[in-house]
Amino acid sequence: MRELPDIGAHFNGDALALARASAGDGGEVAALIAAGADPNAVSPGGLPLAAWPVLTDSPAGAAALLEAGADPNRAVPGAGSVMVWAARAGSPEVLAAFLDHGGDPDTRDPDGIPLLKLAALAGRWANVQLLVERGADVDAHPPGVPGDTVLGYYSAGQFDKAHWLLEHGADPGQRIEDAPVAARIGAQPVVENVYWWPVQAGRFPELARWQQRCQALLAARGLSAPAEPEHLRRLRASAEPGTREPARTLDREIEAAESELGRRLGEP
């Protein structure tokens, strides 16, 4: 369980009472704000009061605070905005409350990392889906790093999630524009991962099936298998000691897997 900061070390008086109210059902929030408590307060230590219901995983408290005037896009020195906390919320209902009240799904942290990537790095897949569904730029990336998208992150072995992103408009064709090794410039990391990321199909048959489905989507877009990149060749060798057989793109196996998965999911 994540250890919470001592809220009493950040706020006092009315602000402390408001923070504590926002961590519950939010019943006292409106009255405290009407009495003068500031829902947009930021502590000397840099903690926005509106982040407290995020840290305490309190959707009702977050909604009450936002209804009463908290700014979901409140700028916070050194952190970007309150949305940076909301994107990493343990409950998608908390993030939904911020989005429902005008939170910007395309917010970035001070390093230019978009909320989608922050949510992914925090292990919040439901938040990633919510942000995409609420209009976040699915191909957003840090400045100058076009391949570093949320699809790039999930294409490194999490193919069920990569498939969902592909079906929701993510671009798999982004290329590396700058790299220490000149040969990597122009490479398409998502395409490489989808075709060459090593998956032990015997141990993880469902994951292998999702990889094949991703391959089928890329093939339908005219993105065929590139040469196996050296870093994935090394990864394969370390993941499967003694195995030198490279990954193969097998149309018949993909077609059969698609047909079987379609039958199981009730698709035509």
C-alpha atoms as a PDB file:
ATOM      1  CA  MET A   1       0.000   0.000   0.000  1.00  0.00           C
ATOM      2  CA  ARG A   2       1.290   3.437  -0.927  1.00  0.00           C
ATOM      3  CA  GLU A   3       2.286   5.570   2.069  1.00  0.00           C
ATOM      4  CA  LEU A   4       0.418   8.857   2.097  1.00  0.00           C
ATOM      5  CA  PRO A   5       2.087  12.124   3.025  1.00  0.00           C
ATOM      6  CA  ASP A   6       1.130  13.691   6.339  1.00  0.00           C
ATOM      7  CA  ILE A   7      -1.570  16.117   5.214  1.00  0.00           C
ATOM      8  CA  GLY A   8      -1.185  18.010   8.496  1.00  0.00           C
ATOM      9  CA  ALA A   9       2.375  18.865   7.503  1.00  0.00           C
ATOM     10  CA  HIS A  10       1.120  20.548   4.327  1.00  0.00           C
ATOM     11  CA  PHE A  11      -2.044  22.391   5.370  1.00  0.00           C
ATOM     12  CA  ASN A  12      -3.642  23.821   8.480  1.00  0.00           C
ATOM     13  CA  GLY A  13      -6.830  25.550   9.482  1.00  0.00           C
ATOM     14  CA  ASP A  14      -9.639  25.655   6.932  1.00  0.00           C
ATOM     15  CA  ALA A  15      -7.432  24.209   4.190  1.00  0.00           C
ATOM     16  CA  LEU A  16      -6.628  21.180   6.335  1.00  0.00           C
ATOM     17  CA  ALA A  17     -10.301  20.669   7.133  1.00  0.00           C
ATOM     18  CA  LEU A  18     -11.134  20.919   3.419  1.00  0.00           C
ATOM     19  CA  ALA A  19      -8.449  18.393   2.473  1.00  0.00           C
ATOM     20  CA  ARG A  20      -9.742  15.934   5.039  1.00  0.00           C
ATOM     21  CA  ALA A  21     -13.331  16.423   3.858  1.00  0.00           C
ATOM     22  CA  SER A  22     -12.279  15.753   0.259  1.00  0.00           C
ATOM     23  CA  ALA A  23     -10.841  12.412   1.306  1.00  0.00           C
ATOM     24  CA  GLY A  24     -14.281  11.174   2.303  1.00  0.00           C
ATOM     25  CA  ASP A  25     -17.715  11.459   0.746  1.00  0.00           C
ATOM     26  CA  GLY A  26     -17.267  15.201   0.222  1.00  0.00           C
ATOM     27  CA  GLY A  27     -20.354  16.094   2.223  1.00  0.00           C
ATOM     28  CA  GLU A  28     -18.711  19.052   3.994  1.00  0.00           C
ATOM     29  CA  VAL A  29     -16.725  20.377   1.050  1.00  0.00           C
ATOM     30  CA  ALA A  30     -19.191  22.977  -0.248  1.00  0.00           C
ATOM     31  CA  ALA A  31     -19.781  24.463   3.208  1.00  0.00           C
ATOM     32  CA  LEU A  32     -16.058  24.766   3.933  1.00  0.00           C
ATOM     33  CA  ILE A  33     -15.429  26.525   0.615  1.00  0.00           C
ATOM     34  CA  ALA A  34     -18.397  28.827   1.206  1.00  0.00           C
ATOM     35  CA  ALA A  35     -16.789  29.703   4.558  1.00  0.00           C
ATOM     36  CA  GLY A  36     -13.559  30.715   2.846  1.00  0.00           C
ATOM     37  CA  ALA A  37     -11.434  27.616   2.342  1.00  0.00           C
ATOM     38  CA  ASP A  38      -9.486  27.717  -0.938  1.00  0.00           C
ATOM     39  CA  PRO A  39      -9.931  24.566  -3.060  1.00  0.00           C
ATOM     40  CA  ASN A  40      -7.008  25.648  -5.257  1.00  0.00           C
ATOM     41  CA  ALA A  41      -4.505  26.007  -2.434  1.00  0.00           C
ATOM     42  CA  VAL A  42      -1.001  24.608  -2.902  1.00  0.00           C
ATOM     43  CA  SER A  43       1.104  23.856   0.158  1.00  0.00           C
ATOM     44  CA  PRO A  44       4.621  25.318   0.618  1.00  0.00           C
ATOM     45  CA  GLY A  45       5.855  21.803  -0.133  1.00  0.00           C
ATOM     46  CA  GLY A  46       4.169  21.800  -3.539  1.00  0.00           C
ATOM     47  CA  LEU A  47       1.146  19.601  -2.818  1.00  0.00           C
ATOM     48  CA  PRO A  48      -2.093  20.929  -4.364  1.00  0.00           C
ATOM     49  CA  LEU A  49      -5.084  20.484  -2.115  1.00  0.00           C
ATOM     50  CA  ALA A  50      -7.021  19.101  -5.086  1.00  0.00           C
ATOM     51  CA  ALA A  51      -4.543  16.233  -5.292  1.00  0.00           C
ATOM     52  CA  TRP A  52      -5.541  14.927  -1.869  1.00  0.00           C
ATOM     53  CA  PRO A  53      -8.687  13.060  -3.010  1.00  0.00           C
ATOM     54  CA  VAL A  54      -6.527  11.560  -5.782  1.00  0.00           C
ATOM     55  CA  LEU A  55      -3.961  10.271  -3.296  1.00  0.00           C
ATOM     56  CA  THR A  56      -6.689   8.950  -1.012  1.00  0.00           C
ATOM     57  CA  ASP A  57      -8.613   7.429  -3.955  1.00  0.00           C
ATOM     58  CA  SER A  58     -11.824   9.307  -3.190  1.00  0.00           C
ATOM     59  CA  PRO A  59     -13.976   9.813  -6.328  1.00  0.00           C
ATOM     60  CA  ALA A  60     -16.840  11.401  -4.379  1.00  0.00           C
ATOM     61  CA  GLY A  61     -14.494  13.783  -2.595  1.00  0.00           C
ATOM     62  CA  ALA A  62     -12.801  14.746  -5.864  1.00  0.00           C
ATOM     63  CA  ALA A  63     -16.159  15.397  -7.535  1.00  0.00           C
ATOM     64  CA  ALA A  64     -17.368  17.503  -4.585  1.00  0.00           C
ATOM     65  CA  LEU A  65     -14.169  19.562  -4.568  1.00  0.00           C
ATOM     66  CA  LEU A  66     -14.354  20.168  -8.319  1.00  0.00           C
ATOM     67  CA  GLU A  67     -18.071  20.976  -8.185  1.00  0.00           C
ATOM     68  CA  ALA A  68     -17.307  23.577  -5.539  1.00  0.00           C
ATOM     69  CA  GLY A  69     -14.706  25.374  -7.604  1.00  0.00           C
ATOM     70  CA  ALA A  70     -11.415  23.490  -7.635  1.00  0.00           C
ATOM     71  CA  ASP A  71      -9.559  24.000 -10.912  1.00  0.00           C
ATOM     72  CA  PRO A  72      -8.581  20.626 -12.440  1.00  0.00           C
ATOM     73  CA  ASN A  73      -5.922  22.383 -14.528  1.00  0.00           C
ATOM     74  CA  ARG A  74      -4.452  24.368 -11.619  1.00  0.00           C
ATOM     75  CA  ALA A  75      -0.784  24.998 -12.417  1.00  0.00           C
ATOM     76  CA  VAL A  76       1.538  23.593  -9.780  1.00  0.00           C
ATOM     77  CA  PRO A  77       5.194  24.727  -9.737  1.00  0.00           C
ATOM     78  CA  GLY A  78       7.484  21.837 -10.587  1.00  0.00           C
ATOM     79  CA  ALA A  79       4.630  19.425 -11.338  1.00  0.00           C
ATOM     80  CA  GLY A  80       2.702  20.802 -14.307  1.00  0.00           C
ATOM     81  CA  SER A  81      -0.872  20.743 -13.072  1.00  0.00           C
ATOM     82  CA  VAL A  82      -3.205  18.830 -10.806  1.00  0.00           C
ATOM     83  CA  MET A  83      -4.030  16.609 -13.804  1.00  0.00           C
ATOM     84  CA  VAL A  84      -0.589  15.025 -13.455  1.00  0.00           C
ATOM     85  CA  TRP A  85      -1.795  13.527 -10.169  1.00  0.00           C
ATOM     86  CA  ALA A  86      -5.209  12.642 -11.567  1.00  0.00           C
ATOM     87  CA  ALA A  87      -3.731  10.673 -14.484  1.00  0.00           C
ATOM     88  CA  ARG A  88      -1.992   8.375 -12.001  1.00  0.00           C
ATOM     89  CA  ALA A  89      -5.050   7.922  -9.771  1.00  0.00           C
ATOM     90  CA  GLY A  90      -5.656   4.405  -8.547  1.00  0.00           C
ATOM     91  CA  SER A  91      -9.314   4.662  -9.533  1.00  0.00           C
ATOM     92  CA  PRO A  92     -10.432   5.718 -13.024  1.00  0.00           C
ATOM     93  CA  GLU A  93     -13.492   7.271 -11.366  1.00  0.00           C
ATOM     94  CA  VAL A  94     -11.203   9.866  -9.787  1.00  0.00           C
ATOM     95  CA  LEU A  95      -9.685  10.748 -13.163  1.00  0.00           C
ATOM     96  CA  ALA A  96     -13.187  10.830 -14.678  1.00  0.00           C
ATOM     97  CA  ALA A  97     -14.243  13.427 -12.118  1.00  0.00           C
ATOM     98  CA  PHE A  98     -11.384  15.700 -13.190  1.00  0.00           C
ATOM     99  CA  LEU A  99     -12.155  15.201 -16.874  1.00  0.00           C
ATOM    100  CA  ASP A 100     -15.868  15.782 -16.263  1.00  0.00           C
ATOM    101  CA  HIS A 101     -15.019  19.161 -14.779  1.00  0.00           C
ATOM    102  CA  GLY A 102     -12.821  20.404 -17.592  1.00  0.00           C
ATOM    103  CA  GLY A 103      -9.518  18.652 -16.978  1.00  0.00           C
ATOM    104  CA  ASP A 104      -7.285  18.745 -20.052  1.00  0.00           C
ATOM    105  CA  PRO A 105      -6.491  15.185 -21.229  1.00  0.00           C
ATOM    106  CA  ASP A 106      -3.494  16.512 -23.191  1.00  0.00           C
ATOM    107  CA  THR A 107      -1.750  17.999 -20.161  1.00  0.00           C
ATOM    108  CA  ARG A 108       1.990  17.329 -19.830  1.00  0.00           C
ATOM    109  CA  ASP A 109       4.328  17.267 -16.880  1.00  0.00           C
ATOM    110  CA  PRO A 110       7.284  19.714 -16.664  1.00  0.00           C
ATOM    111  CA  ASP A 111       9.430  17.326 -18.738  1.00  0.00           C
ATOM    112  CA  GLY A 112       6.875  17.315 -21.536  1.00  0.00           C
ATOM    113  CA  ILE A 113       5.661  13.778 -20.833  1.00  0.00           C
ATOM    114  CA  PRO A 114       1.954  13.476 -21.749  1.00  0.00           C
ATOM    115  CA  LEU A 115      -0.639  12.176 -19.323  1.00  0.00           C
ATOM    116  CA  LEU A 116      -1.100   9.017 -21.394  1.00  0.00           C
ATOM    117  CA  LYS A 117       2.494   7.994 -20.820  1.00  0.00           C
ATOM    118  CA  LEU A 118       2.375   8.985 -17.138  1.00  0.00           C
ATOM    119  CA  ALA A 119      -0.697   6.804 -16.643  1.00  0.00           C
ATOM    120  CA  ALA A 120       0.972   3.919 -18.474  1.00  0.00           C
ATOM    121  CA  LEU A 121       4.152   4.183 -16.419  1.00  0.00           C
ATOM    122  CA  ALA A 122       2.047   4.156 -13.249  1.00  0.00           C
ATOM    123  CA  GLY A 123       0.379   0.913 -14.381  1.00  0.00           C
ATOM    124  CA  ARG A 124      -3.026   2.580 -14.824  1.00  0.00           C
ATOM    125  CA  TRP A 125      -4.325   0.989 -18.025  1.00  0.00           C
ATOM    126  CA  ALA A 126      -7.942   1.944 -17.255  1.00  0.00           C
ATOM    127  CA  ASN A 127      -6.801   5.571 -17.021  1.00  0.00           C
ATOM    128  CA  VAL A 128      -5.023   5.275 -20.371  1.00  0.00           C
ATOM    129  CA  GLN A 129      -8.237   4.029 -21.960  1.00  0.00           C
ATOM    130  CA  LEU A 130     -10.276   6.796 -20.324  1.00  0.00           C
ATOM    131  CA  LEU A 131      -7.902   9.510 -21.516  1.00  0.00           C
ATOM    132  CA  VAL A 132      -8.027   8.201 -25.085  1.00  0.00           C
ATOM    133  CA  GLU A 133     -11.805   7.978 -24.980  1.00  0.00           C
ATOM    134  CA  ARG A 134     -11.973  11.542 -23.680  1.00  0.00           C
ATOM    135  CA  GLY A 135      -9.930  12.915 -26.567  1.00  0.00           C
ATOM    136  CA  ALA A 136      -6.279  12.721 -25.547  1.00  0.00           C
ATOM    137  CA  ASP A 137      -3.846  12.694 -28.467  1.00  0.00           C
ATOM    138  CA  VAL A 138      -3.065   8.986 -28.668  1.00  0.00           C
ATOM    139  CA  ASP A 139       0.175   9.720 -30.553  1.00  0.00           C
ATOM    140  CA  ALA A 140       1.457  12.329 -28.101  1.00  0.00           C
ATOM    141  CA  HIS A 141       5.141  12.011 -27.254  1.00  0.00           C
ATOM    142  CA  PRO A 142       7.796  13.983 -25.379  1.00  0.00           C
ATOM    143  CA  PRO A 143       9.353  16.807 -27.408  1.00  0.00           C
ATOM    144  CA  GLY A 144      11.755  15.511 -30.043  1.00  0.00           C
ATOM    145  CA  VAL A 145      11.048  11.814 -29.388  1.00  0.00           C
ATOM    146  CA  PRO A 146       8.311  10.810 -31.880  1.00  0.00           C
ATOM    147  CA  GLY A 147       8.547   7.066 -31.238  1.00  0.00           C
ATOM    148  CA  ASP A 148       8.072   7.412 -27.487  1.00  0.00           C
ATOM    149  CA  THR A 149       4.281   7.089 -27.525  1.00  0.00           C
ATOM    150  CA  VAL A 150       1.973   5.100 -25.324  1.00  0.00           C
ATOM    151  CA  LEU A 151       1.669   2.598 -28.190  1.00  0.00           C
ATOM    152  CA  GLY A 152       5.448   2.304 -28.249  1.00  0.00           C
ATOM    153  CA  TYR A 153       5.363   1.520 -24.545  1.00  0.00           C
ATOM    154  CA  TYR A 154       2.706  -1.192 -24.767  1.00  0.00           C
ATOM    155  CA  SER A 155       4.052  -2.689 -28.002  1.00  0.00           C
ATOM    156  CA  ALA A 156       6.980  -3.979 -25.949  1.00  0.00           C
ATOM    157  CA  GLY A 157       5.154  -7.152 -25.000  1.00  0.00           C
ATOM    158  CA  GLN A 158       1.678  -5.994 -23.878  1.00  0.00           C
ATOM    159  CA  PHE A 159      -0.060  -6.800 -27.134  1.00  0.00           C
ATOM    160  CA  ASP A 160      -3.648  -6.843 -25.877  1.00  0.00           C
ATOM    161  CA  LYS A 161      -3.231  -3.196 -24.926  1.00  0.00           C
ATOM    162  CA  ALA A 162      -1.301  -2.374 -28.104  1.00  0.00           C
ATOM    163  CA  HIS A 163      -4.151  -3.880 -30.140  1.00  0.00           C
ATOM    164  CA  TRP A 164      -6.713  -1.711 -28.337  1.00  0.00           C
ATOM    165  CA  LEU A 165      -4.647   1.401 -29.056  1.00  0.00           C
ATOM    166  CA  LEU A 166      -4.257   0.449 -32.710  1.00  0.00           C
ATOM    167  CA  GLU A 167      -8.012   0.075 -32.986  1.00  0.00           C
ATOM    168  CA  HIS A 168      -8.402   3.512 -31.405  1.00  0.00           C
ATOM    169  CA  GLY A 169      -6.274   5.325 -33.947  1.00  0.00           C
ATOM    170  CA  ALA A 170      -2.708   5.031 -32.678  1.00  0.00           C
ATOM    171  CA  ASP A 171      -0.098   5.387 -35.423  1.00  0.00           C
ATOM    172  CA  PRO A 172       2.321   2.440 -35.521  1.00  0.00           C
ATOM    173  CA  GLY A 173       4.481   3.969 -38.245  1.00  0.00           C
ATOM    174  CA  GLN A 174       6.311   6.686 -36.317  1.00  0.00           C
ATOM    175  CA  ARG A 175      10.047   6.675 -36.930  1.00  0.00           C
ATOM    176  CA  ILE A 176      13.065   7.384 -34.767  1.00  0.00           C
ATOM    177  CA  GLU A 177      14.499  10.759 -35.762  1.00  0.00           C
ATOM    178  CA  ASP A 178      17.633  10.802 -33.641  1.00  0.00           C
ATOM    179  CA  ALA A 179      19.668   8.023 -32.046  1.00  0.00           C
ATOM    180  CA  PRO A 180      23.224   7.405 -30.816  1.00  0.00           C
ATOM    181  CA  VAL A 181      23.515   4.598 -33.374  1.00  0.00           C
ATOM    182  CA  ALA A 182      23.039   6.008 -36.863  1.00  0.00           C
ATOM    183  CA  ALA A 183      21.514   2.767 -38.141  1.00  0.00           C
ATOM    184  CA  ARG A 184      18.550   3.239 -35.805  1.00  0.00           C
ATOM    185  CA  ILE A 185      17.522   6.557 -37.358  1.00  0.00           C
ATOM    186  CA  GLY A 186      14.401   5.966 -39.428  1.00  0.00           C
ATOM    187  CA  ALA A 187      13.527   2.717 -37.645  1.00  0.00           C
ATOM    188  CA  GLN A 188       9.898   2.104 -36.687  1.00  0.00           C
ATOM    189  CA  PRO A 189      10.045   0.739 -33.131  1.00  0.00           C
ATOM    190  CA  VAL A 190       6.364  -0.223 -32.881  1.00  0.00           C
ATOM    191  CA  VAL A 191       6.530  -2.190 -36.127  1.00  0.00           C
ATOM    192  CA  GLU A 192       9.709  -3.907 -34.928  1.00  0.00           C
ATOM    193  CA  ASN A 193       8.140  -4.810 -31.584  1.00  0.00           C
ATOM    194  CA  VAL A 194       4.921  -6.137 -33.072  1.00  0.00           C
ATOM    195  CA  TYR A 195       6.755  -8.465 -35.456  1.00  0.00           C
ATOM    196  CA  TRP A 196       9.838  -9.372 -33.443  1.00  0.00           C
ATOM    197  CA  TRP A 197       9.220  -9.023 -29.707  1.00  0.00           C
ATOM    198  CA  PRO A 198       9.933 -12.489 -28.273  1.00  0.00           C
ATOM    199  CA  VAL A 199       6.871 -14.229 -26.855  1.00  0.00           C
ATOM    200  CA  GLN A 200       7.002 -17.761 -25.550  1.00  0.00           C
ATOM    201  CA  ALA A 201       3.800 -19.003 -27.168  1.00  0.00           C
ATOM    202  CA  GLY A 202       3.852 -22.266 -25.241  1.00  0.00           C
ATOM    203  CA  ARG A 203       3.754 -20.432 -21.914  1.00  0.00           C
ATOM    204  CA  PHE A 204       1.685 -17.433 -22.986  1.00  0.00           C
ATOM    205  CA  PRO A 205      -0.597 -18.542 -25.823  1.00  0.00           C
ATOM    206  CA  GLU A 206      -3.089 -15.711 -25.322  1.00  0.00           C
ATOM    207  CA  LEU A 207      -0.346 -13.090 -25.518  1.00  0.00           C
ATOM    208  CA  ALA A 208       0.993 -14.742 -28.674  1.00  0.00           C
ATOM    209  CA  ARG A 209      -2.481 -14.564 -30.172  1.00  0.00           C
ATOM    210  CA  TRP A 210      -2.704 -10.836 -29.414  1.00  0.00           C
ATOM    211  CA  GLN A 211       0.694 -10.327 -31.020  1.00  0.00           C
ATOM    212  CA  GLN A 212      -0.582 -12.059 -34.142  1.00  0.00           C
ATOM    213  CA  ARG A 213      -3.676  -9.874 -34.157  1.00  0.00           C
ATOM    214  CA  CYS A 214      -1.454  -6.789 -33.973  1.00  0.00           C
ATOM    215  CA  GLN A 215       0.608  -8.148 -36.851  1.00  0.00           C
ATOM    216  CA  ALA A 216      -2.566  -8.583 -38.874  1.00  0.00           C
ATOM    217  CA  LEU A 217      -3.576  -4.973 -38.240  1.00  0.00           C
ATOM    218  CA  LEU A 218      -0.159  -3.718 -39.314  1.00  0.00           C
ATOM    219  CA  ALA A 219      -0.153  -5.916 -42.405  1.00  0.00           C
ATOM    220  CA  ALA A 220      -3.557  -4.511 -43.363  1.00  0.00           C
ATOM    221  CA  ARG A 221      -2.007  -1.046 -43.226  1.00  0.00           C
ATOM    222  CA  GLY A 222       0.861  -2.054 -45.473  1.00  0.00           C
ATOM    223  CA  LEU A 223       3.415  -2.324 -42.680  1.00  0.00           C
ATOM    224  CA  SER A 224       5.298  -5.577 -43.254  1.00  0.00           C
ATOM    225  CA  ALA A 225       7.927  -7.219 -41.066  1.00  0.00           C
ATOM    226  CA  PRO A 226      11.278  -5.412 -41.123  1.00  0.00           C
ATOM    227  CA  ALA A 227      14.621  -7.090 -40.561  1.00  0.00           C
ATOM    228  CA  GLU A 228      14.969  -8.220 -36.970  1.00  0.00           C
ATOM    229  CA  PRO A 229      16.775  -5.454 -35.053  1.00  0.00           C
ATOM    230  CA  GLU A 230      19.861  -6.403 -33.101  1.00  0.00           C
ATOM    231  CA  HIS A 231      18.475  -5.379 -29.692  1.00  0.00           C
ATOM    232  CA  LEU A 232      15.476  -7.684 -30.113  1.00  0.00           C
ATOM    233  CA  ARG A 233      17.698 -10.471 -31.398  1.00  0.00           C
ATOM    234  CA  ARG A 234      19.687 -10.199 -28.159  1.00  0.00           C
ATOM    235  CA  LEU A 235      16.498 -10.084 -26.095  1.00  0.00           C
ATOM    236  CA  ARG A 236      15.247 -13.231 -27.808  1.00  0.00           C
ATOM    237  CA  ALA A 237      18.513 -15.020 -27.102  1.00  0.00           C
ATOM    238  CA  SER A 238      18.359 -14.076 -23.417  1.00  0.00           C
ATOM    239  CA  ALA A 239      14.662 -14.960 -23.088  1.00  0.00           C
ATOM    240  CA  GLU A 240      15.013 -18.313 -24.808  1.00  0.00           C
ATOM    241  CA  PRO A 241      18.529 -19.665 -24.123  1.00  0.00           C
ATOM    242  CA  GLY A 242      19.728 -22.013 -26.802  1.00  0.00           C
ATOM    243  CA  THR A 243      16.999 -20.951 -29.222  1.00  0.00           C
ATOM    244  CA  ARG A 244      18.152 -19.302 -32.388  1.00  0.00           C
ATOM    245  CA  GLU A 245      14.989 -19.579 -34.446  1.00  0.00           C
ATOM    246  CA  PRO A 246      13.761 -16.048 -35.200  1.00  0.00           C
ATOM    247  CA  ALA A 247      10.166 -14.943 -34.908  1.00  0.00           C
ATOM    248  CA  ARG A 248       8.168 -15.684 -38.018  1.00  0.00           C
ATOM    249  CA  THR A 249       5.221 -13.930 -39.594  1.00  0.00           C
ATOM    250  CA  LEU A 250       2.965 -16.757 -40.690  1.00  0.00           C
ATOM    251  CA  ASP A 251      -0.120 -15.665 -42.564  1.00  0.00           C
ATOM    252  CA  ARG A 252      -1.936 -18.963 -42.166  1.00  0.00           C
ATOM    253  CA  GLU A 253      -1.358 -19.078 -38.411  1.00  0.00           C
ATOM    254  CA  ILE A 254      -2.507 -15.473 -38.061  1.00  0.00           C
ATOM    255  CA  GLU A 255      -5.617 -16.163 -40.115  1.00  0.00           C
ATOM    256  CA  ALA A 256      -6.431 -19.256 -38.073  1.00  0.00           C
ATOM    257  CA  ALA A 257      -5.870 -17.393 -34.802  1.00  0.00           C
ATOM    258  CA  GLU A 258      -8.065 -14.516 -35.976  1.00  0.00           C
ATOM    259  CA  SER A 259     -10.824 -16.915 -36.961  1.00  0.00           C
ATOM    260  CA  GLU A 260     -10.692 -18.752 -33.640  1.00  0.00           C
ATOM    261  CA  LEU A 261     -10.600 -15.553 -31.590  1.00  0.00           C
ATOM    262  CA  GLY A 262     -13.477 -14.152 -33.619  1.00  0.00           C
ATOM    263  CA  ARG A 263     -15.507 -17.272 -32.905  1.00  0.00           C
ATOM    264  CA  ARG A 264     -14.801 -17.019 -29.183  1.00  0.00           C
ATOM    265  CA  LEU A 265     -15.674 -13.334 -29.045  1.00  0.00           C
ATOM    266  CA  GLY A 266     -18.814 -13.778 -31.089  1.00  0.00           C
ATOM    267  CA  GLU A 267     -17.540 -11.692 -33.993  1.00  0.00           C
ATOM    268  CA  PRO A 268     -18.790 -12.377 -37.547  1.00  0.00           C
END
